Amino acid sequence: MARRKLPKKTPRGPSNPPPDGSTESAETESAETESAETEAAETEAADSAQQAELTAAGAVGPPGPFWVGLISAAILVHLAALFLSYSALIEPSSTHSSLLDLASPYLRSTHFAADGRRFYLAHATPDEQPHRLQFASAGQDGDLVIDRQTEWTTVQPGGAAGFAASDRYGRWMALAATLAQSERPSLAAALLMPLISADPSIDAVRVVRLPTQLTTVADDSAPPVYLARVVRSGDQVRLVSIGAKRLSTYARDPLAGVETEAAAGDAAGDAAGDAAADAAADAAADGGEAIQP
C-alpha cells in the first residue's frame, strides 16, 4: 500500500511580521480574488437562469394530435356553415334548408347569417356613381353665362379612394345630391355654403355624377344633379337653384298656339255640321221630321 504523505507541521504562536510593503500587496491580492469569485458567481447565476428559460421554452411545445384534430374540425365546421348560409340564396332544397336551420343559431350569433338576401357588388343605380363638386367663375367682363361652353373646375377629394378623406367627400356629395333630388335645394345649399363663402371667386356651382362601366349613354348625358348660381350682396351669400328644363304642354310660340287652337275649333265645327247633316238625311229618308241643329 502507498503511504500517505503527512502534512508539514507549522509552528504555533505569532508569526513573524512580513517585511515592509508586503501587507498592501496581500490586501490587493485578496480583493482581486474576491472580485473574481463574485464575477464567477454572477456568470453561473446568469447561465442557470438562461438554462431554466430554455428548459421552460422547450416544455411548451406544439399541441398534441388531439388538439390539432379538434381545431381542424372546428375550422371545417365553420367553413361548412358559411357555405350553407351563402349558397342558400338560390332556391335551397329541403335538405339544404334543414341543415341551414340547424346551423342558424351559430350563424346568427356570429353575424354570418345571410337570411336569403342576395348580395351584389353594385346595383348600377345613380346613387352608387361617384359625385363631384364643380364651380365656375365669371370672366373678365363680370358676367357668367351657364351653357355648354361654361368652363367648370372640379373639386377633387382630399385623398385616394378608400381613405377617410375620400369617403367623407363621397358622403358629402351624395347627401347633397339626394337632398337636391328630394326637392330640398335649400338643404343642399346649406351643405355647400361653407365652401362657397370661403371663396369669393365662385359664381356658380353644380354637383355631377361621373360615368362608370355600369352606366349607359343616357345616364352619362343626364343634367347635373344640382345646379345653382351664387348671389352675393355685401356679406350675405345665397344660392339660387336652377332647375332642369322640363317638358310642358304649352306652345313655344304664342301665335302658333292661337292658330292651332283656331284650326282645332274649325275642324270640330265641320265635324259637328257633317254629323248633323247626316242625321237629318236619315230622318228625312225614314219619313220623320228632321231636327235642325
C-alpha atoms as a PDB file:
ATOM      1  CA  MET A   1       0.000   0.000   0.000  1.00  0.00           C
ATOM      2  CA  ALA A   2       1.139   3.533  -0.710  1.00  0.00           C
ATOM      3  CA  ARG A   3       1.992   5.591   2.252  1.00  0.00           C
ATOM      4  CA  ARG A   4       0.229   8.849   2.812  1.00  0.00           C
ATOM      5  CA  LYS A   5       2.393  11.911   2.943  1.00  0.00           C
ATOM      6  CA  LEU A   6       1.960  13.733   6.212  1.00  0.00           C
ATOM      7  CA  PRO A   7       1.468  17.486   6.095  1.00  0.00           C
ATOM      8  CA  LYS A   8       4.218  19.655   7.344  1.00  0.00           C
ATOM      9  CA  LYS A   9       3.775  20.990  10.846  1.00  0.00           C
ATOM     10  CA  THR A  10       3.729  24.730  11.277  1.00  0.00           C
ATOM     11  CA  PRO A  11       4.954  26.345  14.438  1.00  0.00           C
ATOM     12  CA  ARG A  12       2.294  27.729  16.720  1.00  0.00           C
ATOM     13  CA  GLY A  13       2.305  31.256  18.033  1.00  0.00           C
ATOM     14  CA  PRO A  14       2.527  34.648  16.400  1.00  0.00           C
ATOM     15  CA  SER A  15       4.182  34.632  13.080  1.00  0.00           C
ATOM     16  CA  ASN A  16       6.928  36.944  12.244  1.00  0.00           C
ATOM     17  CA  PRO A  17       5.699  40.185  10.648  1.00  0.00           C
ATOM     18  CA  PRO A  18       6.334  40.369   6.885  1.00  0.00           C
ATOM     19  CA  PRO A  19       8.768  42.850   5.556  1.00  0.00           C
ATOM     20  CA  ASP A  20       7.717  46.426   4.763  1.00  0.00           C
ATOM     21  CA  GLY A  21       5.319  46.729   1.718  1.00  0.00           C
ATOM     22  CA  SER A  22       4.166  43.115   1.699  1.00  0.00           C
ATOM     23  CA  THR A  23       0.901  43.896   3.616  1.00  0.00           C
ATOM     24  CA  GLU A  24      -0.507  46.101   0.862  1.00  0.00           C
ATOM     25  CA  SER A  25       0.226  43.540  -1.829  1.00  0.00           C
ATOM     26  CA  ALA A  26      -1.567  40.867   0.195  1.00  0.00           C
ATOM     27  CA  GLU A  27      -4.684  43.032   0.556  1.00  0.00           C
ATOM     28  CA  THR A  28      -4.699  43.772  -3.163  1.00  0.00           C
ATOM     29  CA  GLU A  29      -4.469  40.089  -4.000  1.00  0.00           C
ATOM     30  CA  SER A  30      -7.332  39.256  -1.637  1.00  0.00           C
ATOM     31  CA  ALA A  31      -9.554  41.980  -3.190  1.00  0.00           C
ATOM     32  CA  GLU A  32      -8.839  40.707  -6.707  1.00  0.00           C
ATOM     33  CA  THR A  33      -9.633  37.183  -5.572  1.00  0.00           C
ATOM     34  CA  GLU A  34     -12.976  38.278  -4.086  1.00  0.00           C
ATOM     35  CA  SER A  35     -13.950  40.215  -7.272  1.00  0.00           C
ATOM     36  CA  ALA A  36     -13.062  37.231  -9.432  1.00  0.00           C
ATOM     37  CA  GLU A  37     -15.177  34.948  -7.239  1.00  0.00           C
ATOM     38  CA  THR A  38     -18.117  37.445  -7.439  1.00  0.00           C
ATOM     39  CA  GLU A  39     -17.902  37.591 -11.237  1.00  0.00           C
ATOM     40  CA  ALA A  40     -17.798  33.819 -11.434  1.00  0.00           C
ATOM     41  CA  ALA A  41     -20.881  33.568  -9.188  1.00  0.00           C
ATOM     42  CA  GLU A  42     -22.803  36.095 -11.337  1.00  0.00           C
ATOM     43  CA  THR A  43     -21.849  34.257 -14.521  1.00  0.00           C
ATOM     44  CA  GLU A  44     -23.032  30.952 -13.060  1.00  0.00           C
ATOM     45  CA  ALA A  45     -26.348  32.556 -11.982  1.00  0.00           C
ATOM     46  CA  ALA A  46     -26.917  34.008 -15.480  1.00  0.00           C
ATOM     47  CA  ASP A  47     -26.119  30.674 -17.093  1.00  0.00           C
ATOM     48  CA  SER A  48     -28.510  28.863 -14.775  1.00  0.00           C
ATOM     49  CA  ALA A  49     -31.298  31.402 -15.486  1.00  0.00           C
ATOM     50  CA  GLN A  50     -30.778  31.078 -19.230  1.00  0.00           C
ATOM     51  CA  GLN A  51     -30.798  27.316 -18.950  1.00  0.00           C
ATOM     52  CA  ALA A  52     -34.049  27.493 -16.988  1.00  0.00           C
ATOM     53  CA  GLU A  53     -35.649  29.669 -19.675  1.00  0.00           C
ATOM     54  CA  LEU A  54     -34.561  27.289 -22.413  1.00  0.00           C
ATOM     55  CA  THR A  55     -35.969  24.407 -20.443  1.00  0.00           C
ATOM     56  CA  ALA A  56     -39.312  26.195 -19.943  1.00  0.00           C
ATOM     57  CA  ALA A  57     -39.489  27.103 -23.654  1.00  0.00           C
ATOM     58  CA  GLY A  58     -38.774  23.557 -24.595  1.00  0.00           C
ATOM     59  CA  ALA A  59     -41.508  22.346 -22.286  1.00  0.00           C
ATOM     60  CA  VAL A  60     -44.181  24.423 -24.210  1.00  0.00           C
ATOM     61  CA  GLY A  61     -44.135  22.545 -27.474  1.00  0.00           C
ATOM     62  CA  PRO A  62     -46.724  22.199 -30.267  1.00  0.00           C
ATOM     63  CA  PRO A  63     -50.183  20.909 -29.298  1.00  0.00           C
ATOM     64  CA  GLY A  64     -50.816  17.236 -29.337  1.00  0.00           C
ATOM     65  CA  PRO A  65     -52.683  15.333 -32.054  1.00  0.00           C
ATOM     66  CA  PHE A  66     -55.963  15.621 -30.141  1.00  0.00           C
ATOM     67  CA  TRP A  67     -55.933  19.427 -30.106  1.00  0.00           C
ATOM     68  CA  VAL A  68     -54.761  19.604 -33.712  1.00  0.00           C
ATOM     69  CA  GLY A  69     -57.653  17.425 -34.809  1.00  0.00           C
ATOM     70  CA  LEU A  70     -60.156  19.383 -32.689  1.00  0.00           C
ATOM     71  CA  ILE A  71     -59.068  22.759 -34.113  1.00  0.00           C
ATOM     72  CA  SER A  72     -59.127  21.412 -37.667  1.00  0.00           C
ATOM     73  CA  ALA A  73     -62.639  20.034 -37.173  1.00  0.00           C
ATOM     74  CA  ALA A  74     -63.862  23.383 -35.796  1.00  0.00           C
ATOM     75  CA  ILE A  75     -62.458  25.245 -38.835  1.00  0.00           C
ATOM     76  CA  LEU A  76     -64.123  22.782 -41.217  1.00  0.00           C
ATOM     77  CA  VAL A  77     -67.465  23.143 -39.433  1.00  0.00           C
ATOM     78  CA  HIS A  78     -67.202  26.939 -39.626  1.00  0.00           C
ATOM     79  CA  LEU A  79     -66.446  26.876 -43.364  1.00  0.00           C
ATOM     80  CA  ALA A  80     -69.307  24.432 -43.962  1.00  0.00           C
ATOM     81  CA  ALA A  81     -71.714  26.733 -42.086  1.00  0.00           C
ATOM     82  CA  LEU A  82     -70.616  29.688 -44.224  1.00  0.00           C
ATOM     83  CA  PHE A  83     -71.149  27.650 -47.380  1.00  0.00           C
ATOM     84  CA  LEU A  84     -74.650  26.675 -46.253  1.00  0.00           C
ATOM     85  CA  SER A  85     -75.518  30.281 -45.439  1.00  0.00           C
ATOM     86  CA  TYR A  86     -74.391  31.937 -48.669  1.00  0.00           C
ATOM     87  CA  SER A  87     -75.329  29.119 -51.038  1.00  0.00           C
ATOM     88  CA  ALA A  88     -78.939  29.237 -49.811  1.00  0.00           C
ATOM     89  CA  LEU A  89     -79.556  32.393 -51.829  1.00  0.00           C
ATOM     90  CA  ILE A  90     -80.551  30.375 -54.917  1.00  0.00           C
ATOM     91  CA  GLU A  91     -83.573  28.135 -54.190  1.00  0.00           C
ATOM     92  CA  PRO A  92     -82.245  25.796 -51.475  1.00  0.00           C
ATOM     93  CA  SER A  93     -83.507  22.232 -51.352  1.00  0.00           C
ATOM     94  CA  SER A  94     -85.280  20.654 -48.382  1.00  0.00           C
ATOM     95  CA  THR A  95     -82.052  19.059 -47.137  1.00  0.00           C
ATOM     96  CA  HIS A  96     -80.225  22.341 -47.561  1.00  0.00           C
ATOM     97  CA  SER A  97     -82.949  24.185 -45.651  1.00  0.00           C
ATOM     98  CA  SER A  98     -82.880  21.700 -42.774  1.00  0.00           C
ATOM     99  CA  LEU A  99     -79.096  21.954 -42.479  1.00  0.00           C
ATOM    100  CA  LEU A 100     -79.357  25.728 -42.587  1.00  0.00           C
ATOM    101  CA  ASP A 101     -81.943  25.692 -39.774  1.00  0.00           C
ATOM    102  CA  LEU A 102     -79.580  23.516 -37.772  1.00  0.00           C
ATOM    103  CA  ALA A 103     -76.687  25.940 -38.237  1.00  0.00           C
ATOM    104  CA  SER A 104     -78.747  29.136 -37.907  1.00  0.00           C
ATOM    105  CA  PRO A 105     -78.042  29.660 -34.150  1.00  0.00           C
ATOM    106  CA  TYR A 106     -74.304  29.678 -34.817  1.00  0.00           C
ATOM    107  CA  LEU A 107     -74.624  31.838 -37.931  1.00  0.00           C
ATOM    108  CA  ARG A 108     -76.807  34.412 -36.193  1.00  0.00           C
ATOM    109  CA  SER A 109     -74.580  34.614 -33.130  1.00  0.00           C
ATOM    110  CA  THR A 110     -71.511  35.183 -35.330  1.00  0.00           C
ATOM    111  CA  HIS A 111     -73.385  37.552 -37.729  1.00  0.00           C
ATOM    112  CA  PHE A 112     -72.805  35.317 -40.756  1.00  0.00           C
ATOM    113  CA  ALA A 113     -76.494  34.623 -41.466  1.00  0.00           C
ATOM    114  CA  ALA A 114     -77.444  35.763 -44.978  1.00  0.00           C
ATOM    115  CA  ASP A 115     -81.206  35.176 -44.383  1.00  0.00           C
ATOM    116  CA  GLY A 116     -81.793  34.620 -48.074  1.00  0.00           C
ATOM    117  CA  ARG A 117     -80.828  38.164 -49.052  1.00  0.00           C
ATOM    118  CA  ARG A 118     -78.990  38.497 -52.323  1.00  0.00           C
ATOM    119  CA  PHE A 119     -75.679  40.300 -52.395  1.00  0.00           C
ATOM    120  CA  TYR A 120     -74.476  42.482 -55.230  1.00  0.00           C
ATOM    121  CA  LEU A 121     -71.256  44.326 -55.739  1.00  0.00           C
ATOM    122  CA  ALA A 122     -73.217  47.144 -57.390  1.00  0.00           C
ATOM    123  CA  HIS A 123     -76.803  47.804 -58.448  1.00  0.00           C
ATOM    124  CA  ALA A 124     -75.897  50.350 -61.152  1.00  0.00           C
ATOM    125  CA  THR A 125     -78.122  52.957 -59.505  1.00  0.00           C
ATOM    126  CA  PRO A 126     -77.324  56.685 -59.767  1.00  0.00           C
ATOM    127  CA  ASP A 127     -76.589  56.870 -56.043  1.00  0.00           C
ATOM    128  CA  GLU A 128     -73.642  54.490 -56.481  1.00  0.00           C
ATOM    129  CA  GLN A 129     -71.938  56.702 -59.048  1.00  0.00           C
ATOM    130  CA  PRO A 130     -69.107  58.906 -57.820  1.00  0.00           C
ATOM    131  CA  HIS A 131     -70.178  62.531 -57.341  1.00  0.00           C
ATOM    132  CA  ARG A 132     -68.005  65.569 -57.923  1.00  0.00           C
ATOM    133  CA  LEU A 133     -68.437  69.209 -56.972  1.00  0.00           C
ATOM    134  CA  GLN A 134     -67.682  71.747 -59.712  1.00  0.00           C
ATOM    135  CA  PHE A 135     -67.668  75.527 -59.708  1.00  0.00           C
ATOM    136  CA  ALA A 136     -67.396  78.243 -62.359  1.00  0.00           C
ATOM    137  CA  SER A 137     -66.188  81.828 -62.197  1.00  0.00           C
ATOM    138  CA  ALA A 138     -67.191  84.854 -64.199  1.00  0.00           C
ATOM    139  CA  GLY A 139     -64.977  86.155 -66.970  1.00  0.00           C
ATOM    140  CA  GLN A 140     -63.239  89.489 -67.270  1.00  0.00           C
ATOM    141  CA  ASP A 141     -66.496  91.253 -68.103  1.00  0.00           C
ATOM    142  CA  GLY A 142     -68.021  90.029 -64.829  1.00  0.00           C
ATOM    143  CA  ASP A 143     -70.896  88.140 -66.474  1.00  0.00           C
ATOM    144  CA  LEU A 144     -71.332  84.378 -66.305  1.00  0.00           C
ATOM    145  CA  VAL A 145     -73.487  82.582 -68.842  1.00  0.00           C
ATOM    146  CA  ILE A 146     -74.223  78.980 -67.875  1.00  0.00           C
ATOM    147  CA  ASP A 147     -74.326  76.860 -71.010  1.00  0.00           C
ATOM    148  CA  ARG A 148     -72.412  74.049 -72.657  1.00  0.00           C
ATOM    149  CA  GLN A 149     -69.400  76.292 -73.167  1.00  0.00           C
ATOM    150  CA  THR A 150     -69.009  77.125 -69.485  1.00  0.00           C
ATOM    151  CA  GLU A 151     -65.677  76.047 -68.014  1.00  0.00           C
ATOM    152  CA  TRP A 152     -66.098  74.175 -64.752  1.00  0.00           C
ATOM    153  CA  THR A 153     -63.385  73.445 -62.204  1.00  0.00           C
ATOM    154  CA  THR A 154     -63.700  70.155 -60.311  1.00  0.00           C
ATOM    155  CA  VAL A 155     -63.049  69.943 -56.578  1.00  0.00           C
ATOM    156  CA  GLN A 156     -61.281  66.610 -56.130  1.00  0.00           C
ATOM    157  CA  PRO A 157     -61.340  64.532 -52.920  1.00  0.00           C
ATOM    158  CA  GLY A 158     -58.605  65.117 -50.385  1.00  0.00           C
ATOM    159  CA  GLY A 159     -57.105  61.631 -50.669  1.00  0.00           C
ATOM    160  CA  ALA A 160     -57.042  58.398 -52.624  1.00  0.00           C
ATOM    161  CA  ALA A 161     -60.119  56.202 -52.899  1.00  0.00           C
ATOM    162  CA  GLY A 162     -60.677  54.192 -49.750  1.00  0.00           C
ATOM    163  CA  PHE A 163     -59.139  56.683 -47.351  1.00  0.00           C
ATOM    164  CA  ALA A 164     -61.112  58.642 -44.781  1.00  0.00           C
ATOM    165  CA  ALA A 165     -60.895  61.968 -46.639  1.00  0.00           C
ATOM    166  CA  SER A 166     -62.219  60.448 -49.860  1.00  0.00           C
ATOM    167  CA  ASP A 167     -65.040  58.674 -48.016  1.00  0.00           C
ATOM    168  CA  ARG A 168     -66.113  61.887 -46.285  1.00  0.00           C
ATOM    169  CA  TYR A 169     -66.107  63.724 -49.614  1.00  0.00           C
ATOM    170  CA  GLY A 170     -68.220  60.981 -51.211  1.00  0.00           C
ATOM    171  CA  ARG A 171     -70.789  61.037 -48.400  1.00  0.00           C
ATOM    172  CA  TRP A 172     -70.903  64.840 -48.533  1.00  0.00           C
ATOM    173  CA  MET A 173     -71.628  64.958 -52.265  1.00  0.00           C
ATOM    174  CA  ALA A 174     -74.049  62.012 -52.152  1.00  0.00           C
ATOM    175  CA  LEU A 175     -76.075  63.696 -49.404  1.00  0.00           C
ATOM    176  CA  ALA A 176     -76.182  66.975 -51.346  1.00  0.00           C
ATOM    177  CA  ALA A 177     -77.377  65.139 -54.465  1.00  0.00           C
ATOM    178  CA  THR A 178     -80.037  63.269 -52.500  1.00  0.00           C
ATOM    179  CA  LEU A 179     -81.369  66.482 -50.970  1.00  0.00           C
ATOM    180  CA  ALA A 180     -81.409  68.217 -54.339  1.00  0.00           C
ATOM    181  CA  GLN A 181     -83.378  65.380 -55.922  1.00  0.00           C
ATOM    182  CA  SER A 182     -85.780  65.297 -52.971  1.00  0.00           C
ATOM    183  CA  GLU A 183     -86.963  68.829 -53.748  1.00  0.00           C
ATOM    184  CA  ARG A 184     -84.912  70.256 -50.880  1.00  0.00           C
ATOM    185  CA  PRO A 185     -82.413  72.520 -52.610  1.00  0.00           C
ATOM    186  CA  SER A 186     -82.151  74.781 -49.582  1.00  0.00           C
ATOM    187  CA  LEU A 187     -80.645  71.968 -47.515  1.00  0.00           C
ATOM    188  CA  ALA A 188     -78.253  71.104 -50.332  1.00  0.00           C
ATOM    189  CA  ALA A 189     -77.222  74.773 -50.470  1.00  0.00           C
ATOM    190  CA  ALA A 190     -76.598  74.734 -46.712  1.00  0.00           C
ATOM    191  CA  LEU A 191     -74.177  71.843 -47.178  1.00  0.00           C
ATOM    192  CA  LEU A 192     -72.223  73.680 -49.882  1.00  0.00           C
ATOM    193  CA  MET A 193     -72.352  77.124 -48.299  1.00  0.00           C
ATOM    194  CA  PRO A 194     -69.125  76.874 -46.167  1.00  0.00           C
ATOM    195  CA  LEU A 195     -67.003  76.198 -49.254  1.00  0.00           C
ATOM    196  CA  ILE A 196     -68.695  78.865 -51.365  1.00  0.00           C
ATOM    197  CA  SER A 197     -68.480  81.522 -48.648  1.00  0.00           C
ATOM    198  CA  ALA A 198     -64.757  80.925 -48.255  1.00  0.00           C
ATOM    199  CA  ASP A 199     -64.016  81.548 -51.967  1.00  0.00           C
ATOM    200  CA  PRO A 200     -65.439  84.806 -53.383  1.00  0.00           C
ATOM    201  CA  SER A 201     -64.422  83.856 -56.937  1.00  0.00           C
ATOM    202  CA  ILE A 202     -67.151  81.158 -57.174  1.00  0.00           C
ATOM    203  CA  ASP A 203     -70.128  82.401 -59.201  1.00  0.00           C
ATOM    204  CA  ALA A 204     -71.863  79.087 -59.952  1.00  0.00           C
ATOM    205  CA  VAL A 205     -71.759  75.591 -58.518  1.00  0.00           C
ATOM    206  CA  ARG A 206     -73.046  72.191 -59.535  1.00  0.00           C
ATOM    207  CA  VAL A 207     -72.896  68.537 -58.470  1.00  0.00           C
ATOM    208  CA  VAL A 208     -72.396  66.000 -61.252  1.00  0.00           C
ATOM    209  CA  ARG A 209     -72.201  62.225 -61.463  1.00  0.00           C
ATOM    210  CA  LEU A 210     -69.187  60.647 -63.119  1.00  0.00           C
ATOM    211  CA  PRO A 211     -69.721  57.876 -65.669  1.00  0.00           C
ATOM    212  CA  THR A 212     -68.791  54.313 -64.751  1.00  0.00           C
ATOM    213  CA  GLN A 213     -68.647  50.990 -66.557  1.00  0.00           C
ATOM    214  CA  LEU A 214     -72.226  50.223 -65.472  1.00  0.00           C
ATOM    215  CA  THR A 215     -73.802  53.431 -66.791  1.00  0.00           C
ATOM    216  CA  THR A 216     -75.299  53.961 -70.231  1.00  0.00           C
ATOM    217  CA  VAL A 217     -75.014  56.848 -72.666  1.00  0.00           C
ATOM    218  CA  ALA A 218     -78.376  58.166 -71.490  1.00  0.00           C
ATOM    219  CA  ASP A 219     -77.173  58.134 -67.880  1.00  0.00           C
ATOM    220  CA  ASP A 220     -73.965  59.930 -68.776  1.00  0.00           C
ATOM    221  CA  SER A 221     -75.839  62.649 -70.696  1.00  0.00           C
ATOM    222  CA  ALA A 222     -78.193  63.419 -67.803  1.00  0.00           C
ATOM    223  CA  PRO A 223     -78.182  67.004 -66.468  1.00  0.00           C
ATOM    224  CA  PRO A 224     -76.335  67.865 -63.235  1.00  0.00           C
ATOM    225  CA  VAL A 225     -77.913  66.700 -60.029  1.00  0.00           C
ATOM    226  CA  TYR A 226     -77.684  70.189 -58.539  1.00  0.00           C
ATOM    227  CA  LEU A 227     -77.045  73.490 -60.294  1.00  0.00           C
ATOM    228  CA  ALA A 228     -77.132  76.895 -58.629  1.00  0.00           C
ATOM    229  CA  ARG A 229     -75.928  80.420 -59.174  1.00  0.00           C
ATOM    230  CA  VAL A 230     -74.137  82.305 -56.406  1.00  0.00           C
ATOM    231  CA  VAL A 231     -75.663  85.648 -55.470  1.00  0.00           C
ATOM    232  CA  ARG A 232     -73.544  87.912 -53.268  1.00  0.00           C
ATOM    233  CA  SER A 233     -74.920  91.007 -51.566  1.00  0.00           C
ATOM    234  CA  GLY A 234     -72.413  92.537 -49.218  1.00  0.00           C
ATOM    235  CA  ASP A 235     -71.589  89.954 -46.568  1.00  0.00           C
ATOM    236  CA  GLN A 236     -74.562  87.769 -47.489  1.00  0.00           C
ATOM    237  CA  VAL A 237     -74.171  84.821 -49.843  1.00  0.00           C
ATOM    238  CA  ARG A 238     -77.115  82.950 -51.324  1.00  0.00           C
ATOM    239  CA  LEU A 239     -77.501  80.073 -53.753  1.00  0.00           C
ATOM    240  CA  VAL A 240     -80.270  80.320 -56.335  1.00  0.00           C
ATOM    241  CA  SER A 241     -81.092  76.858 -57.617  1.00  0.00           C
ATOM    242  CA  ILE A 242     -81.521  76.438 -61.369  1.00  0.00           C
ATOM    243  CA  GLY A 243     -83.880  73.602 -62.173  1.00  0.00           C
ATOM    244  CA  ALA A 244     -83.627  71.433 -65.240  1.00  0.00           C
ATOM    245  CA  LYS A 245     -85.877  72.183 -68.182  1.00  0.00           C
ATOM    246  CA  ARG A 246     -88.990  70.021 -68.195  1.00  0.00           C
ATOM    247  CA  LEU A 247     -91.457  69.097 -70.909  1.00  0.00           C
ATOM    248  CA  SER A 248     -94.724  71.056 -70.930  1.00  0.00           C
ATOM    249  CA  THR A 249     -97.944  71.194 -72.939  1.00  0.00           C
ATOM    250  CA  TYR A 250     -97.634  74.922 -73.696  1.00  0.00           C
ATOM    251  CA  ALA A 251     -96.746  76.008 -77.230  1.00  0.00           C
ATOM    252  CA  ARG A 252     -93.352  77.597 -77.685  1.00  0.00           C
ATOM    253  CA  ASP A 253     -94.800  80.365 -79.944  1.00  0.00           C
ATOM    254  CA  PRO A 254     -97.953  82.097 -78.620  1.00  0.00           C
ATOM    255  CA  LEU A 255     -99.158  82.948 -82.164  1.00  0.00           C
ATOM    256  CA  ALA A 256     -98.648  79.392 -83.257  1.00  0.00           C
ATOM    257  CA  GLY A 257    -100.647  78.286 -80.264  1.00  0.00           C
ATOM    258  CA  VAL A 258    -103.558  80.572 -81.152  1.00  0.00           C
ATOM    259  CA  GLU A 259    -103.546  79.366 -84.734  1.00  0.00           C
ATOM    260  CA  THR A 260    -103.507  75.771 -83.553  1.00  0.00           C
ATOM    261  CA  GLU A 261    -106.478  76.348 -81.269  1.00  0.00           C
ATOM    262  CA  ALA A 262    -108.440  78.113 -84.083  1.00  0.00           C
ATOM    263  CA  ALA A 263    -107.729  75.304 -86.519  1.00  0.00           C
ATOM    264  CA  ALA A 264    -108.845  72.758 -83.950  1.00  0.00           C
ATOM    265  CA  GLY A 265    -112.096  74.700 -83.384  1.00  0.00           C
ATOM    266  CA  ASP A 266    -112.828  74.875 -87.113  1.00  0.00           C
ATOM    267  CA  ALA A 267    -112.221  71.169 -87.503  1.00  0.00           C
ATOM    268  CA  ALA A 268    -114.541  70.394 -84.622  1.00  0.00           C
ATOM    269  CA  GLY A 269    -117.278  72.631 -86.085  1.00  0.00           C
ATOM    270  CA  ASP A 270    -117.011  70.992 -89.506  1.00  0.00           C
ATOM    271  CA  ALA A 271    -117.264  67.549 -87.935  1.00  0.00           C
ATOM    272  CA  ALA A 272    -120.352  68.540 -85.934  1.00  0.00           C
ATOM    273  CA  GLY A 273    -122.009  70.027 -89.055  1.00  0.00           C
ATOM    274  CA  ASP A 274    -121.368  66.884 -91.065  1.00  0.00           C
ATOM    275  CA  ALA A 275    -122.794  64.710 -88.335  1.00  0.00           C
ATOM    276  CA  ALA A 276    -125.972  66.870 -88.114  1.00  0.00           C
ATOM    277  CA  ALA A 277    -126.467  66.783 -91.887  1.00  0.00           C
ATOM    278  CA  ASP A 278    -126.169  63.005 -91.955  1.00  0.00           C
ATOM    279  CA  ALA A 279    -128.722  62.705 -89.145  1.00  0.00           C
ATOM    280  CA  ALA A 280    -131.190  64.977 -90.973  1.00  0.00           C
ATOM    281  CA  ALA A 281    -130.842  62.999 -94.197  1.00  0.00           C
ATOM    282  CA  ASP A 282    -131.519  59.743 -92.361  1.00  0.00           C
ATOM    283  CA  ALA A 283    -134.592  61.198 -90.674  1.00  0.00           C
ATOM    284  CA  ALA A 284    -135.998  62.511 -93.998  1.00  0.00           C
ATOM    285  CA  ALA A 285    -135.473  59.139 -95.620  1.00  0.00           C
ATOM    286  CA  ASP A 286    -137.474  57.484 -92.836  1.00  0.00           C
ATOM    287  CA  GLY A 287    -140.323  59.971 -93.299  1.00  0.00           C
ATOM    288  CA  GLY A 288    -139.854  61.716 -89.992  1.00  0.00           C
ATOM    289  CA  GLU A 289    -139.122  65.272 -89.151  1.00  0.00           C
ATOM    290  CA  ALA A 290    -135.582  66.363 -89.150  1.00  0.00           C
ATOM    291  CA  ILE A 291    -134.333  68.174 -86.088  1.00  0.00           C
ATOM    292  CA  GLN A 292    -132.368  71.214 -87.056  1.00  0.00           C
ATOM    293  CA  PRO A 293    -129.234  71.765 -85.077  1.00  0.00           C
END
